Amino acid sequence: MAEVLLYHHIQGLTDGVRAFAEDLRRAGHTVHTPDLFDGGTFASIDEGFAFAEAAGIDELRVRGTAAADGLSPDLVYAGLSFGVMIAQQLAQTKPGARGALLMHSCIPVAEFGQSWPPDVPVQIHGMRDDEFFDEDLPASRELAGSAPAAELYVYPGDRHLFTDSSLGAFDEDAAALLLERVHSFLAGL
């Protein structure tokens, strides 16, 4: 079983993010879900961004990377949208990373100053017509093409946070397929 450090999206540690983590726990994985917004959840992406900007994106990134301190070094770093920024940074730069799950987003590999580690498998997931993921698709394709153990999954649809069962963007079929792929990824580590 894997130990996963799962970072929430821009609307906070919602009930849907907690449900996603619980699904992984039921499969026997240990899942940590740090709350970078100190209990704050937001009704919209815009409200979440306003909070993040007021709190300071760099401060939230520091908080997020600090959440890995004291945990096993062989973590699977997972992020949902906003959380990808931290998960990808740690998976790419912290020795011992066991894998990465990047959902709804992907940052250009060059952002973190080094190439993707060849021994760190990664899955990238997003919807084809999601306006936010569309911006990240070139970085997703670059990472998928440069890492030996990388998989890119692009789902039909235009919803951004389609894995969060507590939001209107939830897509039950796409979320179920994503979870099936995530379970397979974790079981293969």
C-alpha atoms as a PDB file:
ATOM      1  CA  MET A   1       0.000   0.000   0.000  1.00  0.00           C
ATOM      2  CA  ALA A   2       1.083   3.557  -0.675  1.00  0.00           C
ATOM      3  CA  GLU A   3       1.357   6.605   1.534  1.00  0.00           C
ATOM      4  CA  VAL A   4      -0.190   9.596  -0.231  1.00  0.00           C
ATOM      5  CA  LEU A   5       0.092  13.291   0.552  1.00  0.00           C
ATOM      6  CA  LEU A   6      -2.969  14.842  -1.130  1.00  0.00           C
ATOM      7  CA  TYR A   7      -3.174  18.623  -1.595  1.00  0.00           C
ATOM      8  CA  HIS A   8      -6.619  20.180  -2.037  1.00  0.00           C
ATOM      9  CA  HIS A   9      -7.786  22.482  -4.807  1.00  0.00           C
ATOM     10  CA  ILE A  10      -8.448  26.234  -4.734  1.00  0.00           C
ATOM     11  CA  GLN A  11     -11.878  25.847  -3.131  1.00  0.00           C
ATOM     12  CA  GLY A  12     -10.282  24.282  -0.055  1.00  0.00           C
ATOM     13  CA  LEU A  13     -10.431  20.974   1.766  1.00  0.00           C
ATOM     14  CA  THR A  14     -14.045  20.353   0.768  1.00  0.00           C
ATOM     15  CA  ASP A  15     -16.200  17.372   1.589  1.00  0.00           C
ATOM     16  CA  GLY A  16     -15.521  16.137  -1.952  1.00  0.00           C
ATOM     17  CA  VAL A  17     -11.748  16.230  -1.427  1.00  0.00           C
ATOM     18  CA  ARG A  18     -12.225  14.375   1.865  1.00  0.00           C
ATOM     19  CA  ALA A  19     -14.387  11.787   0.065  1.00  0.00           C
ATOM     20  CA  PHE A  20     -11.684  11.329  -2.597  1.00  0.00           C
ATOM     21  CA  ALA A  21      -9.100  10.714   0.139  1.00  0.00           C
ATOM     22  CA  GLU A  22     -11.445   8.336   1.939  1.00  0.00           C
ATOM     23  CA  ASP A  23     -11.878   6.293  -1.235  1.00  0.00           C
ATOM     24  CA  LEU A  24      -8.103   5.790  -1.328  1.00  0.00           C
ATOM     25  CA  ARG A  25      -8.060   4.908   2.377  1.00  0.00           C
ATOM     26  CA  ARG A  26     -10.722   2.239   1.862  1.00  0.00           C
ATOM     27  CA  ALA A  27      -8.321   0.618  -0.605  1.00  0.00           C
ATOM     28  CA  GLY A  28      -5.740   0.404   2.198  1.00  0.00           C
ATOM     29  CA  HIS A  29      -3.615   3.455   1.439  1.00  0.00           C
ATOM     30  CA  THR A  30      -2.522   5.978   4.047  1.00  0.00           C
ATOM     31  CA  VAL A  31      -3.658   9.431   2.911  1.00  0.00           C
ATOM     32  CA  HIS A  32      -2.691  12.761   4.477  1.00  0.00           C
ATOM     33  CA  THR A  33      -4.830  15.794   3.595  1.00  0.00           C
ATOM     34  CA  PRO A  34      -3.234  18.989   4.885  1.00  0.00           C
ATOM     35  CA  ASP A  35      -5.582  21.960   5.064  1.00  0.00           C
ATOM     36  CA  LEU A  36      -3.676  24.889   3.579  1.00  0.00           C
ATOM     37  CA  PHE A  37      -6.648  27.248   4.028  1.00  0.00           C
ATOM     38  CA  ASP A  38      -7.121  26.734   7.798  1.00  0.00           C
ATOM     39  CA  GLY A  39     -10.651  25.389   7.428  1.00  0.00           C
ATOM     40  CA  GLY A  40     -11.737  27.827   4.754  1.00  0.00           C
ATOM     41  CA  THR A  41     -13.759  26.483   1.845  1.00  0.00           C
ATOM     42  CA  PHE A  42     -15.157  28.584  -0.955  1.00  0.00           C
ATOM     43  CA  ALA A  43     -18.263  28.426  -3.117  1.00  0.00           C
ATOM     44  CA  SER A  44     -16.390  29.349  -6.293  1.00  0.00           C
ATOM     45  CA  ILE A  45     -12.967  29.179  -7.880  1.00  0.00           C
ATOM     46  CA  ASP A  46     -12.860  32.997  -7.930  1.00  0.00           C
ATOM     47  CA  GLU A  47     -13.496  33.198  -4.173  1.00  0.00           C
ATOM     48  CA  GLY A  48     -10.776  30.607  -3.558  1.00  0.00           C
ATOM     49  CA  PHE A  49      -8.288  32.531  -5.700  1.00  0.00           C
ATOM     50  CA  ALA A  50      -9.115  35.762  -3.871  1.00  0.00           C
ATOM     51  CA  PHE A  51      -8.381  34.027  -0.554  1.00  0.00           C
ATOM     52  CA  ALA A  52      -5.133  32.503  -1.888  1.00  0.00           C
ATOM     53  CA  GLU A  53      -3.932  35.841  -3.215  1.00  0.00           C
ATOM     54  CA  ALA A  54      -4.725  37.568   0.085  1.00  0.00           C
ATOM     55  CA  ALA A  55      -2.963  34.814   2.067  1.00  0.00           C
ATOM     56  CA  GLY A  56      -0.038  34.854  -0.380  1.00  0.00           C
ATOM     57  CA  ILE A  57       0.571  32.130  -2.945  1.00  0.00           C
ATOM     58  CA  ASP A  58       4.197  31.790  -1.837  1.00  0.00           C
ATOM     59  CA  GLU A  59       3.125  31.466   1.809  1.00  0.00           C
ATOM     60  CA  LEU A  60       0.638  28.731   0.887  1.00  0.00           C
ATOM     61  CA  ARG A  61       3.346  26.930  -1.083  1.00  0.00           C
ATOM     62  CA  VAL A  62       5.664  27.076   1.960  1.00  0.00           C
ATOM     63  CA  ARG A  63       2.841  25.751   4.140  1.00  0.00           C
ATOM     64  CA  GLY A  64       2.236  22.966   1.669  1.00  0.00           C
ATOM     65  CA  THR A  65       5.834  21.836   1.408  1.00  0.00           C
ATOM     66  CA  ALA A  66       6.139  21.962   5.209  1.00  0.00           C
ATOM     67  CA  ALA A  67       3.257  19.464   5.420  1.00  0.00           C
ATOM     68  CA  ALA A  68       5.663  16.838   4.058  1.00  0.00           C
ATOM     69  CA  ASP A  69       8.130  17.386   6.900  1.00  0.00           C
ATOM     70  CA  GLY A  70       8.212  14.487   9.307  1.00  0.00           C
ATOM     71  CA  LEU A  71       6.496  12.114   6.876  1.00  0.00           C
ATOM     72  CA  SER A  72       8.120   9.162   5.163  1.00  0.00           C
ATOM     73  CA  PRO A  73      10.316  10.229   2.225  1.00  0.00           C
ATOM     74  CA  ASP A  74       8.737   7.646  -0.096  1.00  0.00           C
ATOM     75  CA  LEU A  75       5.430   9.442  -0.524  1.00  0.00           C
ATOM     76  CA  VAL A  76       3.143   9.654  -3.490  1.00  0.00           C
ATOM     77  CA  TYR A  77       2.514  13.367  -3.928  1.00  0.00           C
ATOM     78  CA  ALA A  78      -0.970  14.132  -5.234  1.00  0.00           C
ATOM     79  CA  GLY A  79      -2.602  17.417  -6.055  1.00  0.00           C
ATOM     80  CA  LEU A  80      -5.979  18.619  -7.219  1.00  0.00           C
ATOM     81  CA  SER A  81      -5.658  21.760  -9.377  1.00  0.00           C
ATOM     82  CA  PHE A  82      -4.115  24.385  -7.033  1.00  0.00           C
ATOM     83  CA  GLY A  83      -2.591  21.530  -5.010  1.00  0.00           C
ATOM     84  CA  VAL A  84      -0.674  20.312  -8.076  1.00  0.00           C
ATOM     85  CA  MET A  85       1.720  23.238  -7.702  1.00  0.00           C
ATOM     86  CA  ILE A  86       2.968  21.808  -4.396  1.00  0.00           C
ATOM     87  CA  ALA A  87       2.631  18.115  -5.209  1.00  0.00           C
ATOM     88  CA  GLN A  88       4.558  18.469  -8.457  1.00  0.00           C
ATOM     89  CA  GLN A  89       7.302  20.543  -6.847  1.00  0.00           C
ATOM     90  CA  LEU A  90       7.834  17.921  -4.135  1.00  0.00           C
ATOM     91  CA  ALA A  91       7.644  14.932  -6.488  1.00  0.00           C
ATOM     92  CA  GLN A  92      10.107  16.579  -8.834  1.00  0.00           C
ATOM     93  CA  THR A  93      12.614  17.874  -6.289  1.00  0.00           C
ATOM     94  CA  LYS A  94      12.389  15.857  -3.068  1.00  0.00           C
ATOM     95  CA  PRO A  95      14.518  12.696  -2.982  1.00  0.00           C
ATOM     96  CA  GLY A  96      12.640   9.467  -2.385  1.00  0.00           C
ATOM     97  CA  ALA A  97       9.341  10.407  -4.046  1.00  0.00           C
ATOM     98  CA  ARG A  98       7.465   7.240  -4.933  1.00  0.00           C
ATOM     99  CA  GLY A  99       5.095   8.781  -7.476  1.00  0.00           C
ATOM    100  CA  ALA A 100       2.922  11.738  -8.429  1.00  0.00           C
ATOM    101  CA  LEU A 101      -0.747  12.218  -9.225  1.00  0.00           C
ATOM    102  CA  LEU A 102      -1.467  15.536 -10.928  1.00  0.00           C
ATOM    103  CA  MET A 103      -5.188  16.142 -11.334  1.00  0.00           C
ATOM    104  CA  HIS A 104      -6.776  19.073 -13.152  1.00  0.00           C
ATOM    105  CA  SER A 105      -3.437  20.819 -13.630  1.00  0.00           C
ATOM    106  CA  CYS A 106       0.227  20.468 -14.556  1.00  0.00           C
ATOM    107  CA  ILE A 107       3.080  22.947 -14.156  1.00  0.00           C
ATOM    108  CA  PRO A 108       5.904  23.223 -16.721  1.00  0.00           C
ATOM    109  CA  VAL A 109       8.745  20.998 -15.516  1.00  0.00           C
ATOM    110  CA  ALA A 110      11.220  23.892 -15.940  1.00  0.00           C
ATOM    111  CA  GLU A 111       9.387  25.795 -13.179  1.00  0.00           C
ATOM    112  CA  PHE A 112      11.195  23.707 -10.575  1.00  0.00           C
ATOM    113  CA  GLY A 113      14.660  23.978 -12.094  1.00  0.00           C
ATOM    114  CA  GLN A 114      15.346  20.373 -12.977  1.00  0.00           C
ATOM    115  CA  SER A 115      14.062  17.604 -15.197  1.00  0.00           C
ATOM    116  CA  TRP A 116      11.476  15.099 -14.035  1.00  0.00           C
ATOM    117  CA  PRO A 117      13.177  12.282 -12.070  1.00  0.00           C
ATOM    118  CA  PRO A 118      13.208   9.190 -14.315  1.00  0.00           C
ATOM    119  CA  ASP A 119      12.379   6.865 -11.411  1.00  0.00           C
ATOM    120  CA  VAL A 120       9.227   8.752 -10.337  1.00  0.00           C
ATOM    121  CA  PRO A 121       6.072   7.555 -12.128  1.00  0.00           C
ATOM    122  CA  VAL A 122       3.397  10.169 -12.732  1.00  0.00           C
ATOM    123  CA  GLN A 123      -0.211  10.330 -13.859  1.00  0.00           C
ATOM    124  CA  ILE A 124      -1.737  13.544 -15.205  1.00  0.00           C
ATOM    125  CA  HIS A 125      -5.537  13.909 -15.492  1.00  0.00           C
ATOM    126  CA  GLY A 126      -7.722  16.670 -16.903  1.00  0.00           C
ATOM    127  CA  MET A 127     -10.741  17.413 -19.072  1.00  0.00           C
ATOM    128  CA  ARG A 128     -10.216  18.249 -22.721  1.00  0.00           C
ATOM    129  CA  ASP A 129     -12.325  21.412 -22.826  1.00  0.00           C
ATOM    130  CA  ASP A 130     -11.644  22.680 -19.300  1.00  0.00           C
ATOM    131  CA  GLU A 131     -10.457  26.259 -19.769  1.00  0.00           C
ATOM    132  CA  PHE A 132      -7.972  25.928 -16.899  1.00  0.00           C
ATOM    133  CA  PHE A 133      -6.544  22.552 -17.913  1.00  0.00           C
ATOM    134  CA  ASP A 134      -6.349  23.738 -21.527  1.00  0.00           C
ATOM    135  CA  GLU A 135      -3.661  26.209 -20.391  1.00  0.00           C
ATOM    136  CA  ASP A 136      -1.764  23.326 -18.770  1.00  0.00           C
ATOM    137  CA  LEU A 137      -2.113  20.836 -21.624  1.00  0.00           C
ATOM    138  CA  PRO A 138       1.217  21.767 -23.282  1.00  0.00           C
ATOM    139  CA  ALA A 139       3.039  21.244 -19.945  1.00  0.00           C
ATOM    140  CA  SER A 140       1.119  17.988 -19.446  1.00  0.00           C
ATOM    141  CA  ARG A 141       2.139  16.707 -22.863  1.00  0.00           C
ATOM    142  CA  GLU A 142       5.741  17.784 -22.320  1.00  0.00           C
ATOM    143  CA  LEU A 143       5.944  15.954 -18.993  1.00  0.00           C
ATOM    144  CA  ALA A 144       4.182  12.865 -20.374  1.00  0.00           C
ATOM    145  CA  GLY A 145       6.585  12.789 -23.315  1.00  0.00           C
ATOM    146  CA  SER A 146       9.740  13.282 -21.274  1.00  0.00           C
ATOM    147  CA  ALA A 147       9.243  10.927 -18.338  1.00  0.00           C
ATOM    148  CA  PRO A 148       9.602   7.185 -18.882  1.00  0.00           C
ATOM    149  CA  ALA A 149       6.788   6.294 -16.481  1.00  0.00           C
ATOM    150  CA  ALA A 150       4.277   9.040 -17.283  1.00  0.00           C
ATOM    151  CA  GLU A 151       0.640   8.698 -18.259  1.00  0.00           C
ATOM    152  CA  LEU A 152      -1.582  11.513 -19.493  1.00  0.00           C
ATOM    153  CA  TYR A 153      -5.355  11.032 -19.405  1.00  0.00           C
ATOM    154  CA  VAL A 154      -7.597  13.593 -21.064  1.00  0.00           C
ATOM    155  CA  TYR A 155     -11.313  13.123 -20.433  1.00  0.00           C
ATOM    156  CA  PRO A 156     -14.167  14.438 -22.565  1.00  0.00           C
ATOM    157  CA  GLY A 157     -15.896  17.444 -21.045  1.00  0.00           C
ATOM    158  CA  ASP A 158     -15.282  20.968 -19.845  1.00  0.00           C
ATOM    159  CA  ARG A 159     -15.446  20.722 -16.050  1.00  0.00           C
ATOM    160  CA  HIS A 160     -12.463  21.726 -13.975  1.00  0.00           C
ATOM    161  CA  LEU A 161     -12.853  20.106 -10.554  1.00  0.00           C
ATOM    162  CA  PHE A 162     -14.788  17.098 -11.860  1.00  0.00           C
ATOM    163  CA  THR A 163     -13.473  14.770  -9.136  1.00  0.00           C
ATOM    164  CA  ASP A 164     -15.031  16.725  -6.261  1.00  0.00           C
ATOM    165  CA  SER A 165     -18.387  15.150  -5.400  1.00  0.00           C
ATOM    166  CA  SER A 166     -19.389  18.173  -3.303  1.00  0.00           C
ATOM    167  CA  LEU A 167     -19.219  20.652  -6.201  1.00  0.00           C
ATOM    168  CA  GLY A 168     -21.443  21.328  -9.184  1.00  0.00           C
ATOM    169  CA  ALA A 169     -18.528  20.492 -11.499  1.00  0.00           C
ATOM    170  CA  PHE A 170     -18.590  16.847 -10.367  1.00  0.00           C
ATOM    171  CA  ASP A 171     -18.760  14.332 -13.212  1.00  0.00           C
ATOM    172  CA  GLU A 172     -19.549  10.926 -11.761  1.00  0.00           C
ATOM    173  CA  ASP A 173     -18.423   8.881 -14.779  1.00  0.00           C
ATOM    174  CA  ALA A 174     -15.161  10.751 -15.365  1.00  0.00           C
ATOM    175  CA  ALA A 175     -14.375  10.768 -11.636  1.00  0.00           C
ATOM    176  CA  ALA A 176     -14.991   7.015 -11.405  1.00  0.00           C
ATOM    177  CA  LEU A 177     -12.664   6.356 -14.351  1.00  0.00           C
ATOM    178  CA  LEU A 178     -10.002   8.632 -12.873  1.00  0.00           C
ATOM    179  CA  LEU A 179     -10.230   6.843  -9.516  1.00  0.00           C
ATOM    180  CA  GLU A 180      -9.957   3.470 -11.242  1.00  0.00           C
ATOM    181  CA  ARG A 181      -6.754   4.649 -12.936  1.00  0.00           C
ATOM    182  CA  VAL A 182      -5.414   6.120  -9.691  1.00  0.00           C
ATOM    183  CA  HIS A 183      -6.085   2.859  -7.840  1.00  0.00           C
ATOM    184  CA  SER A 184      -4.258   0.928 -10.572  1.00  0.00           C
ATOM    185  CA  PHE A 185      -1.327   3.362 -10.392  1.00  0.00           C
ATOM    186  CA  LEU A 186      -1.039   3.061  -6.617  1.00  0.00           C
ATOM    187  CA  ALA A 187      -1.382  -0.731  -6.707  1.00  0.00           C
ATOM    188  CA  GLY A 188       1.500  -0.892  -9.201  1.00  0.00           C
ATOM    189  CA  LEU A 189       3.976   0.984  -7.022  1.00  0.00           C
END
